[in-house]
Amino acid sequence: MALNTDYTEPTYGNWRLPQRAGIGRLSGLATVLLFVAIIITIFVMRLAGIIPGLIIGAILALFLGSFALKDKHGMTLMERIAERLIFMLAKFRKLNIFRSGPLGATPTNEFRLPGVASSAVTYEGTDSVGRPFALIHLPAVNIYSVSMAVEPDGAAMVDQADVDQWVANWGGFLAELGREVGLVGASVTVETSPGSGIRLRREIESSMSDTASPIASQMLAEAAQTYPSGVSETCAWVTLSFSAAARAGMRRRTPDEMLRDLSSKVVFWCSHLEATGAGVATPMVAGEIGQIVRAAYDPAAARLLDQAAYAGEPLTIDLSSAGPSTAVVEWSHYKHDSGVSVCWTMSEAPRGAVFSNVFVRLLEPHAMIGRKRVSLLYRPVDSALTAAMVEQDQNTARTRLTSTRNGSARLSAELDAANATAADEARGAGLSYVGLAVCATVEDPAEMVDAVAVVEQELAPSSRIMLRRAWGAHDAVFAATLPLGVVLGRHTVLPESVKSAL
């Protein structure tokens, strides 16, 4: 009996935002403002005459137009104006400049973290199998986070069926996160950086045997000197963030309570991550997180850290001393110690149907970018709310289609996508808000022009996504790509409900 060896590689897609009911391109809140503007115009006409009424109506029309006019990234004119004004105000008050250390402006002499991660505090705990792990607390937003280092082997020499099974297991892992009480965010980050070669040299030297033949020893000694030149290093980690209050209205948990609650779950998460192709997953300790943060803010320090590890004297860096001595946020970039960074956020998910390797070029090391971090940001939806969310999305899409006189191909496609999402949710799939952040860092400011061009004109198009530069907010996106548990939605001026309504 012959076996069927044909395998059809699945495709992925149907990323969509829940639609908000409104007239035309106006959102729900903008539609309410439209009716308010009409009523105000009518009252002005009745009380002051037609001319004043028309003037007021024109002013209100321009105001509402700022909510309807969107650029290719989906940003309205009002959002872009507010973005620029907020940055100009912060720069006028010199809030974009950060100084720390003994000569800094911080209350202590420590090199604290800047911006949204300035309140980070580290606690140490032990999981159920005796492994130590670090708990990062952000008191400013009442969030606790734990990070796990992973060692993915990549897809080389792996059957495509196995890769697709990894993707399915990752989807199951995200669905399980929707059942975690108090979970407010999750992220997975892949960092590529220029390797000093010291770690590779140490690995080669440790594998040399005293009883080896002279030729083999000579070959290994030569490889230890020549192979490390031009190498790049890749590391990855997964961060889970929890609210201090398990449910809305409940008492906030203390760090000791969080350590006790999470100690039994870390092992469970690590074992599930290993089934997603992430390789060996281990919880990260405070010193490991401190080294990653320090090397991110001061790329030149990474070589010193490698040399210390090679000499057998690894350094332990606490978060209280891992920040930069100087950091300046500019509209187009971010200066910090020995590095200059530019950050982007994804404004449009991969268009159309894509395969599992859609992000390969984006995640790979690039010769024009010294240090690069790519973070997928997830906000799993509570499993108790998914059914109501997809049903509301279906009703909104159906209403928008039926309210159009001759129908619309775009609205019809939106209804089909909403129906497909509802069908997947009915079969047990979870829902998650997904974002992506990219951070490119170079040590020479003259190299930043080439790095920006590579990300915007090569890496983003090859991944079929659209990236928007984090104008004036590079420091916040920079911190979100580090294993600190920064959930950007918790640091915005407007509540998330108001932003979604706009």
Protein backbone atom coordinates (compact mmCIF):
# COMPACT_ATOMS: atom_id res chain seq x y z
CA MET A 1 0.00 0.00 0.00
CA ALA A 2 1.57 3.29 -1.10
CA LEU A 3 1.74 6.18 1.30
CA ASN A 4 0.83 9.66 0.23
CA THR A 5 3.96 11.77 0.83
CA ASP A 6 2.56 14.97 -0.64
CA TYR A 7 2.33 17.77 1.89
CA THR A 8 0.59 21.07 1.32
CA GLU A 9 2.16 23.91 3.28
CA PRO A 10 -0.54 25.93 5.05
CA THR A 11 -0.82 29.67 4.76
CA TYR A 12 -1.61 32.20 7.46
CA GLY A 13 -3.47 35.49 7.50
CA ASN A 14 -6.77 37.15 8.42
CA TRP A 15 -5.20 39.67 10.78
CA ARG A 16 -7.81 42.32 11.36
CA LEU A 17 -8.88 45.02 13.77
CA PRO A 18 -12.41 44.91 15.20
CA GLN A 19 -14.51 47.43 13.30
CA ARG A 20 -16.25 50.31 15.03
CA ALA A 21 -19.69 51.30 13.81
CA GLY A 22 -19.80 54.76 12.27
CA ILE A 23 -20.81 56.79 9.23
CA GLY A 24 -18.40 56.41 6.33
CA ARG A 25 -14.81 56.72 7.50
CA LEU A 26 -15.81 58.18 10.83
CA SER A 27 -15.46 56.09 13.95
CA GLY A 28 -18.24 55.67 16.48
CA LEU A 29 -17.11 58.59 18.64
CA ALA A 30 -16.50 60.80 15.59
CA THR A 31 -20.02 60.00 14.39
CA VAL A 32 -21.43 61.18 17.72
CA LEU A 33 -19.37 64.36 17.39
CA LEU A 34 -20.80 64.85 13.89
CA PHE A 35 -24.38 64.92 15.21
CA VAL A 36 -23.31 67.23 18.04
CA ALA A 37 -21.73 69.57 15.48
CA ILE A 38 -24.92 69.58 13.40
CA ILE A 39 -27.02 70.46 16.45
CA ILE A 40 -24.61 73.24 17.43
CA THR A 41 -24.68 74.68 13.91
CA ILE A 42 -28.50 74.69 13.86
CA PHE A 43 -28.68 76.46 17.22
CA VAL A 44 -26.18 79.10 16.10
CA MET A 45 -28.18 79.71 12.92
CA ARG A 46 -31.40 80.13 14.90
CA LEU A 47 -29.86 82.46 17.48
CA ALA A 48 -27.23 84.47 15.53
CA GLY A 49 -28.16 84.08 11.87
CA ILE A 50 -27.09 82.13 8.82
CA ILE A 51 -23.60 83.64 8.37
CA PRO A 52 -22.36 82.92 11.93
CA GLY A 53 -23.94 79.48 11.68
CA LEU A 54 -22.09 78.71 8.45
CA ILE A 55 -18.81 79.89 9.97
CA ILE A 56 -19.27 77.71 13.04
CA GLY A 57 -20.32 74.82 10.79
CA ALA A 58 -17.18 75.22 8.66
CA ILE A 59 -14.94 75.24 11.74
CA LEU A 60 -16.62 72.12 13.13
CA ALA A 61 -16.37 70.45 9.71
CA LEU A 62 -12.62 71.03 9.64
CA PHE A 63 -12.36 69.66 13.16
CA LEU A 64 -14.27 66.50 12.22
CA GLY A 65 -12.26 66.17 9.02
CA SER A 66 -9.13 65.78 11.12
CA PHE A 67 -10.66 62.58 12.48
CA ALA A 68 -11.56 61.24 9.03
CA LEU A 69 -8.38 61.99 7.05
CA LYS A 70 -5.94 59.12 7.56
CA ASP A 71 -2.51 58.45 6.11
CA LYS A 72 -1.24 55.11 4.82
CA HIS A 73 -0.50 54.02 8.39
CA GLY A 74 -4.06 54.64 9.57
CA MET A 75 -3.12 57.71 11.62
CA THR A 76 -5.64 60.53 11.53
CA LEU A 77 -4.62 64.14 11.06
CA MET A 78 -5.67 64.90 14.64
CA GLU A 79 -3.44 62.10 15.97
CA ARG A 80 -0.43 63.37 14.02
CA ILE A 81 -0.99 66.94 15.24
CA ALA A 82 -1.32 65.78 18.85
CA GLU A 83 1.78 63.63 18.47
CA ARG A 84 3.85 66.59 17.30
CA LEU A 85 2.47 68.99 19.94
CA ILE A 86 3.14 66.57 22.81
CA PHE A 87 6.75 66.11 21.70
CA MET A 88 7.29 69.86 21.23
CA LEU A 89 5.95 70.50 24.74
CA ALA A 90 8.19 67.79 26.21
CA LYS A 91 11.23 69.18 24.37
CA PHE A 92 10.42 72.73 25.51
CA ARG A 93 10.38 71.50 29.12
CA LYS A 94 13.54 69.44 28.40
CA LEU A 95 11.79 66.23 29.38
CA ASN A 96 13.41 64.53 26.40
CA ILE A 97 16.84 64.72 28.07
CA PHE A 98 17.90 62.13 30.64
CA ARG A 99 20.96 62.32 32.87
CA SER A 100 21.81 59.75 35.53
CA GLY A 101 24.74 58.66 37.65
CA PRO A 102 26.76 60.71 40.13
CA LEU A 103 26.59 63.80 37.90
CA GLY A 104 23.02 63.24 36.76
CA ALA A 105 19.71 64.76 37.72
CA THR A 106 18.18 61.62 39.24
CA PRO A 107 17.48 61.52 43.01
CA THR A 108 20.12 58.79 43.55
CA ASN A 109 23.61 58.26 42.17
CA GLU A 110 22.58 55.10 40.36
CA PHE A 111 22.31 54.67 36.59
CA ARG A 112 18.55 54.22 36.58
CA LEU A 113 16.54 53.30 33.51
CA PRO A 114 14.91 56.20 31.65
CA GLY A 115 11.34 56.77 30.54
CA VAL A 116 8.63 54.17 30.92
CA ALA A 117 10.96 51.69 32.66
CA SER A 118 12.28 54.15 35.25
CA SER A 119 10.32 52.55 38.10
CA ALA A 120 11.58 49.00 37.43
CA VAL A 121 12.47 46.98 40.54
CA THR A 122 13.86 43.44 40.55
CA TYR A 123 12.91 40.58 42.87
CA GLU A 124 14.38 37.08 42.98
CA GLY A 125 12.39 33.88 43.26
CA THR A 126 12.70 30.13 42.71
CA ASP A 127 10.43 27.97 40.57
CA SER A 128 9.05 24.58 41.53
CA VAL A 129 12.16 22.72 40.29
CA GLY A 130 14.63 24.94 42.10
CA ARG A 131 15.68 27.26 39.28
CA PRO A 132 16.06 30.96 40.16
CA PHE A 133 14.10 33.54 38.19
CA ALA A 134 13.76 37.31 38.23
CA LEU A 135 10.49 39.17 38.72
CA ILE A 136 10.43 42.70 37.29
CA HIS A 137 7.99 45.08 38.97
CA LEU A 138 6.89 48.35 37.37
CA PRO A 139 5.10 50.14 40.24
CA ALA A 140 4.13 53.07 38.00
CA VAL A 141 1.66 50.87 36.12
CA ASN A 142 1.33 47.99 38.64
CA ILE A 143 2.74 45.31 36.34
CA TYR A 144 4.86 42.26 37.20
CA SER A 145 6.85 40.48 34.50
CA VAL A 146 8.91 37.33 34.14
CA SER A 147 11.19 36.56 31.17
CA MET A 148 12.40 33.24 29.78
CA ALA A 149 15.45 32.82 27.57
CA VAL A 150 14.97 30.49 24.61
CA GLU A 151 17.43 28.94 22.18
CA PRO A 152 15.61 28.32 18.87
CA ASP A 153 17.51 26.15 16.42
CA GLY A 154 15.87 27.70 13.39
CA ALA A 155 14.22 25.91 10.49
CA ALA A 156 17.41 24.62 8.82
CA MET A 157 17.28 20.87 8.09
CA VAL A 158 13.77 20.68 9.56
CA ASP A 159 10.80 19.30 7.63
CA GLN A 160 8.16 21.85 6.76
CA ALA A 161 5.51 19.74 8.46
CA ASP A 162 7.45 20.02 11.73
CA VAL A 163 7.77 23.80 11.31
CA ASP A 164 4.03 24.11 10.79
CA GLN A 165 3.46 21.98 13.87
CA TRP A 166 5.62 24.44 15.83
CA VAL A 167 3.45 27.28 14.55
CA ALA A 168 0.32 25.42 15.62
CA ASN A 169 1.80 24.82 19.07
CA TRP A 170 2.65 28.52 19.33
CA GLY A 171 -0.96 29.33 18.55
CA GLY A 172 -2.01 26.94 21.28
CA PHE A 173 0.42 28.61 23.69
CA LEU A 174 -1.14 32.01 22.96
CA ALA A 175 -4.61 30.54 23.42
CA GLU A 176 -3.54 29.22 26.83
CA LEU A 177 -2.32 32.67 27.80
CA GLY A 178 -5.87 33.94 27.30
CA ARG A 179 -6.83 31.74 30.25
CA GLU A 180 -4.14 33.11 32.55
CA VAL A 181 -5.67 35.28 35.25
CA GLY A 182 -4.27 38.81 35.28
CA LEU A 183 -2.17 38.49 32.12
CA VAL A 184 -1.96 41.88 30.37
CA GLY A 185 0.72 41.30 27.76
CA ALA A 186 3.26 38.93 26.24
CA SER A 187 6.18 39.50 23.93
CA VAL A 188 8.79 37.48 22.09
CA THR A 189 12.00 39.22 21.06
CA VAL A 190 14.82 38.17 18.73
CA GLU A 191 18.01 40.20 19.03
CA THR A 192 20.90 40.07 16.58
CA SER A 193 24.17 41.77 17.39
CA PRO A 194 27.76 41.78 16.13
CA GLY A 195 29.62 39.06 17.97
CA SER A 196 33.03 39.80 19.42
CA GLY A 197 34.04 36.19 18.78
CA ILE A 198 35.05 35.70 22.39
CA ARG A 199 32.22 33.29 23.16
CA LEU A 200 32.95 31.22 20.06
CA ARG A 201 36.65 31.19 20.93
CA ARG A 202 35.85 30.04 24.45
CA GLU A 203 33.65 27.25 23.09
CA ILE A 204 36.39 26.04 20.74
CA GLU A 205 39.08 26.16 23.41
CA SER A 206 36.92 24.28 25.90
CA SER A 207 36.42 21.45 23.38
CA MET A 208 40.16 20.93 22.76
CA SER A 209 41.64 17.78 24.23
CA ASP A 210 45.17 17.35 25.53
CA THR A 211 45.41 13.97 23.82
CA ALA A 212 44.38 15.28 20.39
CA SER A 213 46.73 14.98 17.44
CA PRO A 214 48.97 17.99 16.68
CA ILE A 215 47.20 18.58 13.36
CA ALA A 216 43.75 18.65 14.97
CA SER A 217 44.97 20.94 17.75
CA GLN A 218 46.54 23.27 15.22
CA MET A 219 43.32 23.39 13.16
CA LEU A 220 41.22 24.19 16.23
CA ALA A 221 43.68 26.86 17.37
CA GLU A 222 43.56 28.47 13.93
CA ALA A 223 39.76 28.27 13.85
CA ALA A 224 39.60 29.97 17.25
CA GLN A 225 41.50 32.93 15.81
CA THR A 226 39.91 33.19 12.35
CA TYR A 227 36.30 32.02 12.66
CA PRO A 228 35.12 34.60 15.23
CA SER A 229 35.83 37.51 12.87
CA GLY A 230 32.61 38.81 11.38
CA VAL A 231 30.31 36.49 13.33
CA SER A 232 26.96 37.63 14.65
CA GLU A 233 25.10 36.51 17.74
CA THR A 234 21.40 35.82 18.06
CA CYS A 235 19.49 35.55 21.29
CA ALA A 236 15.78 35.42 22.04
CA TRP A 237 13.49 35.68 25.02
CA VAL A 238 9.79 35.55 25.90
CA THR A 239 8.30 37.94 28.46
CA LEU A 240 4.94 37.58 30.21
CA SER A 241 3.41 40.57 32.04
CA PHE A 242 0.73 40.40 34.72
CA SER A 243 -1.37 43.01 36.44
CA ALA A 244 -0.91 43.43 40.18
CA ALA A 245 -4.68 42.96 40.56
CA ALA A 246 -5.80 39.57 39.30
CA ARG A 247 -9.23 40.97 38.36
CA ALA A 248 -10.62 44.49 38.08
CA GLY A 249 -11.53 45.76 41.52
CA MET A 250 -9.53 43.14 43.40
CA ARG A 251 -6.69 43.87 45.82
CA ARG A 252 -3.26 44.38 44.33
CA ARG A 253 -0.86 41.55 44.98
CA THR A 254 2.48 42.15 46.69
CA PRO A 255 5.81 41.03 45.19
CA ASP A 256 5.99 38.08 47.60
CA GLU A 257 2.52 36.95 46.55
CA MET A 258 3.44 37.23 42.87
CA LEU A 259 6.63 35.22 43.41
CA ARG A 260 4.60 32.53 45.12
CA ASP A 261 1.92 32.48 42.42
CA LEU A 262 4.34 32.42 39.48
CA SER A 263 6.85 29.95 40.90
CA SER A 264 4.60 27.02 40.02
CA LYS A 265 3.81 28.33 36.54
CA VAL A 266 7.29 29.07 35.19
CA VAL A 267 8.02 25.37 34.66
CA PHE A 268 4.72 24.94 32.83
CA TRP A 269 5.46 27.85 30.48
CA CYS A 270 9.01 26.66 29.77
CA SER A 271 7.84 23.17 28.85
CA HIS A 272 5.15 24.56 26.54
CA LEU A 273 7.62 26.90 24.85
CA GLU A 274 9.92 23.99 24.05
CA ALA A 275 7.09 22.45 22.01
CA THR A 276 6.92 25.58 19.81
CA GLY A 277 10.44 25.18 18.38
CA ALA A 278 11.91 27.61 20.89
CA GLY A 279 14.46 25.05 22.04
CA VAL A 280 15.50 24.93 25.68
CA ALA A 281 13.60 27.56 27.69
CA THR A 282 14.99 28.72 31.01
CA PRO A 283 13.84 31.54 33.30
CA MET A 284 16.10 34.59 33.22
CA VAL A 285 17.78 35.88 36.37
CA ALA A 286 18.34 39.52 37.30
CA GLY A 287 22.00 39.57 36.25
CA GLU A 288 21.19 38.21 32.80
CA ILE A 289 18.47 40.80 32.24
CA GLY A 290 20.81 43.53 33.49
CA GLN A 291 23.48 42.58 30.94
CA ILE A 292 20.98 42.65 28.07
CA VAL A 293 19.66 46.05 29.13
CA ARG A 294 23.14 47.48 29.66
CA ALA A 295 24.38 46.27 26.25
CA ALA A 296 21.27 47.73 24.60
CA TYR A 297 21.80 51.22 26.03
CA ASP A 298 25.60 51.09 25.69
CA PRO A 299 26.60 48.79 22.78
CA ALA A 300 30.29 49.37 23.43
CA ALA A 301 29.90 47.76 26.85
CA ALA A 302 28.90 44.45 25.24
CA ARG A 303 32.51 43.73 24.30
CA LEU A 304 33.65 44.36 27.86
CA LEU A 305 31.00 41.99 29.16
CA ASP A 306 32.18 39.28 26.74
CA GLN A 307 35.80 39.78 27.74
CA ALA A 308 34.89 39.47 31.42
CA ALA A 309 33.01 36.25 30.74
CA TYR A 310 35.98 34.90 28.72
CA ALA A 311 38.33 35.68 31.61
CA GLY A 312 36.09 33.73 33.96
CA GLU A 313 34.86 36.84 35.78
CA PRO A 314 31.26 37.37 34.60
CA LEU A 315 29.74 40.62 35.77
CA THR A 316 26.41 40.85 37.56
CA ILE A 317 24.55 44.04 36.64
CA ASP A 318 21.47 45.11 38.54
CA LEU A 319 18.73 47.07 36.82
CA SER A 320 19.43 49.99 39.14
CA SER A 321 22.80 50.42 37.41
CA ALA A 322 22.02 49.18 33.90
CA GLY A 323 20.64 52.43 32.48
CA PRO A 324 22.47 54.98 30.36
CA SER A 325 24.33 57.96 31.74
CA THR A 326 22.92 60.12 28.94
CA ALA A 327 19.86 59.66 26.76
CA VAL A 328 18.24 62.20 24.45
CA VAL A 329 14.99 61.60 22.59
CA GLU A 330 14.84 63.39 19.25
CA TRP A 331 11.91 63.45 16.85
CA SER A 332 13.59 61.07 14.38
CA HIS A 333 16.00 59.06 16.58
CA TYR A 334 17.20 58.22 20.08
CA LYS A 335 20.72 58.89 21.42
CA HIS A 336 21.93 56.82 24.36
CA ASP A 337 25.52 56.49 25.58
CA SER A 338 27.54 54.90 22.76
CA GLY A 339 24.57 54.12 20.51
CA VAL A 340 22.01 55.78 18.28
CA SER A 341 18.70 53.99 17.70
CA VAL A 342 15.64 54.32 15.52
CA CYS A 343 12.47 52.40 16.35
CA TRP A 344 9.42 51.41 14.31
CA THR A 345 6.02 49.94 15.05
CA MET A 346 3.93 47.83 12.69
CA SER A 347 1.02 49.76 11.20
CA GLU A 348 -0.19 46.97 8.91
CA ALA A 349 0.14 43.21 9.35
CA PRO A 350 1.38 40.97 6.51
CA ARG A 351 -0.92 41.52 3.58
CA GLY A 352 -2.67 38.55 2.02
CA ALA A 353 -1.89 34.92 2.76
CA VAL A 354 1.68 34.27 3.90
CA PHE A 355 3.80 31.27 4.82
CA SER A 356 5.50 30.55 8.15
CA ASN A 357 8.83 32.02 6.98
CA VAL A 358 7.44 35.50 6.25
CA PHE A 359 9.63 37.15 8.92
CA VAL A 360 12.89 35.36 8.07
CA ARG A 361 14.58 38.35 6.44
CA LEU A 362 13.44 40.66 9.23
CA LEU A 363 14.85 38.42 11.97
CA GLU A 364 18.17 37.58 10.31
CA PRO A 365 21.34 39.55 11.08
CA HIS A 366 22.13 42.31 8.59
CA ALA A 367 25.56 43.70 7.83
CA MET A 368 24.26 47.29 7.69
CA ILE A 369 22.68 47.17 11.15
CA GLY A 370 24.89 46.75 14.18
CA ARG A 371 22.30 45.67 16.73
CA LYS A 372 18.67 44.88 15.92
CA ARG A 373 15.75 43.74 18.04
CA VAL A 374 12.41 42.57 16.67
CA SER A 375 9.62 42.11 19.20
CA LEU A 376 6.21 40.60 18.59
CA LEU A 377 3.85 42.11 21.14
CA TYR A 378 0.74 40.18 22.16
CA ARG A 379 -2.20 41.16 24.30
CA PRO A 380 -4.28 37.97 24.64
CA VAL A 381 -7.99 38.51 25.03
CA ASP A 382 -9.64 36.90 28.02
CA SER A 383 -11.24 33.65 26.85
CA ALA A 384 -14.48 34.71 28.55
CA LEU A 385 -14.75 37.73 26.23
CA THR A 386 -13.77 36.26 22.86
CA ALA A 387 -17.25 35.04 21.88
CA ALA A 388 -18.88 38.42 22.52
CA MET A 389 -16.05 40.23 20.71
CA VAL A 390 -16.27 38.22 17.50
CA GLU A 391 -20.07 38.44 17.51
CA GLN A 392 -19.93 42.21 17.84
CA ASP A 393 -17.36 42.37 15.05
CA GLN A 394 -19.63 40.30 12.83
CA ASN A 395 -22.63 42.51 13.50
CA THR A 396 -20.64 45.68 12.82
CA ALA A 397 -19.24 44.35 9.55
CA ARG A 398 -22.71 43.20 8.44
CA THR A 399 -24.26 46.57 9.32
CA ARG A 400 -21.59 48.51 7.44
CA LEU A 401 -22.15 46.33 4.35
CA THR A 402 -25.97 46.42 4.36
CA SER A 403 -26.08 50.16 5.00
CA THR A 404 -24.27 50.78 1.70
CA ARG A 405 -26.68 51.18 -1.22
CA ASN A 406 -24.80 49.15 -3.85
CA GLY A 407 -22.57 47.19 -1.52
CA SER A 408 -18.78 47.32 -1.50
CA ALA A 409 -16.09 44.76 -2.30
CA ARG A 410 -13.98 45.99 0.62
CA LEU A 411 -16.89 45.79 3.10
CA SER A 412 -17.84 42.36 1.78
CA ALA A 413 -14.27 41.15 2.33
CA GLU A 414 -14.37 42.54 5.87
CA LEU A 415 -17.56 40.58 6.56
CA ASP A 416 -15.96 37.38 5.21
CA ALA A 417 -12.94 37.96 7.44
CA ALA A 418 -15.15 38.54 10.48
CA ASN A 419 -17.04 35.32 9.74
CA ALA A 420 -13.77 33.39 9.40
CA THR A 421 -12.56 34.75 12.72
CA ALA A 422 -15.83 33.75 14.39
CA ALA A 423 -15.54 30.24 12.94
CA ASP A 424 -11.98 29.85 14.27
CA GLU A 425 -13.03 31.11 17.70
CA ALA A 426 -15.91 28.64 17.77
CA ARG A 427 -13.41 25.82 17.18
CA GLY A 428 -11.40 26.86 20.25
CA ALA A 429 -8.91 29.36 18.85
CA GLY A 430 -7.89 32.29 21.03
CA LEU A 431 -7.90 35.98 20.16
CA SER A 432 -4.95 38.28 20.65
CA TYR A 433 -4.11 41.84 19.78
CA VAL A 434 -0.80 41.66 17.91
CA GLY A 435 1.83 44.32 17.39
CA LEU A 436 5.41 44.41 16.22
CA ALA A 437 8.28 46.69 17.20
CA VAL A 438 11.67 46.99 15.52
CA CYS A 439 14.71 48.71 17.00
CA ALA A 440 17.91 49.29 15.02
CA THR A 441 21.02 50.52 16.85
CA VAL A 442 24.40 51.64 15.48
CA GLU A 443 27.45 53.04 17.23
CA ASP A 444 28.44 55.44 14.45
CA PRO A 445 25.70 58.05 13.80
CA ALA A 446 26.78 58.22 10.14
CA GLU A 447 25.63 54.61 9.68
CA MET A 448 22.08 55.34 10.79
CA VAL A 449 20.98 56.59 7.35
CA ASP A 450 21.85 53.24 5.77
CA ALA A 451 20.30 51.28 8.65
CA VAL A 452 17.00 53.18 8.30
CA ALA A 453 16.95 52.60 4.55
CA VAL A 454 17.56 48.87 5.03
CA VAL A 455 14.68 48.49 7.50
CA GLU A 456 12.15 50.61 5.61
CA GLN A 457 12.99 49.62 2.04
CA GLU A 458 14.26 46.06 2.36
CA LEU A 459 13.30 44.23 5.53
CA ALA A 460 9.75 45.56 5.93
CA PRO A 461 8.71 44.95 2.27
CA SER A 462 10.25 41.47 2.31
CA SER A 463 8.09 40.65 5.34
CA ARG A 464 5.00 42.16 3.65
CA ILE A 465 4.38 44.50 6.56
CA MET A 466 4.22 48.28 6.88
CA LEU A 467 6.34 49.98 9.53
CA ARG A 468 5.87 53.47 10.89
CA ARG A 469 8.71 55.25 12.63
CA ALA A 470 8.05 55.94 16.31
CA TRP A 471 8.28 59.70 15.88
CA GLY A 472 9.22 61.33 19.18
CA ALA A 473 8.61 58.11 21.14
CA HIS A 474 11.68 56.04 20.32
CA ASP A 475 12.58 55.66 24.00
CA ALA A 476 9.27 53.97 24.84
CA VAL A 477 9.45 51.52 21.92
CA PHE A 478 13.13 50.92 22.73
CA ALA A 479 12.19 49.85 26.27
CA ALA A 480 9.35 47.66 24.95
CA THR A 481 11.87 45.51 23.05
CA LEU A 482 13.81 44.71 26.24
CA PRO A 483 12.93 41.95 28.77
CA LEU A 484 11.36 44.46 31.16
CA GLY A 485 7.67 43.75 30.62
CA VAL A 486 6.82 47.21 29.29
CA VAL A 487 3.25 47.15 27.96
CA LEU A 488 2.98 50.28 25.82
CA GLY A 489 -0.79 50.53 26.12
CA ARG A 490 -0.45 51.09 29.87
CA HIS A 491 1.73 54.19 29.39
CA THR A 492 -0.49 56.23 27.07
CA VAL A 493 -2.13 59.52 28.01
CA LEU A 494 -5.56 58.51 26.71
CA PRO A 495 -7.21 55.30 27.94
CA GLU A 496 -7.26 52.44 25.46
CA SER A 497 -11.05 52.53 25.26
CA VAL A 498 -11.00 56.19 24.13
CA LYS A 499 -8.23 55.56 21.58
CA SER A 500 -10.08 52.61 20.06
CA ALA A 501 -13.27 54.67 19.84
CA LEU A 502 -11.40 57.40 17.95
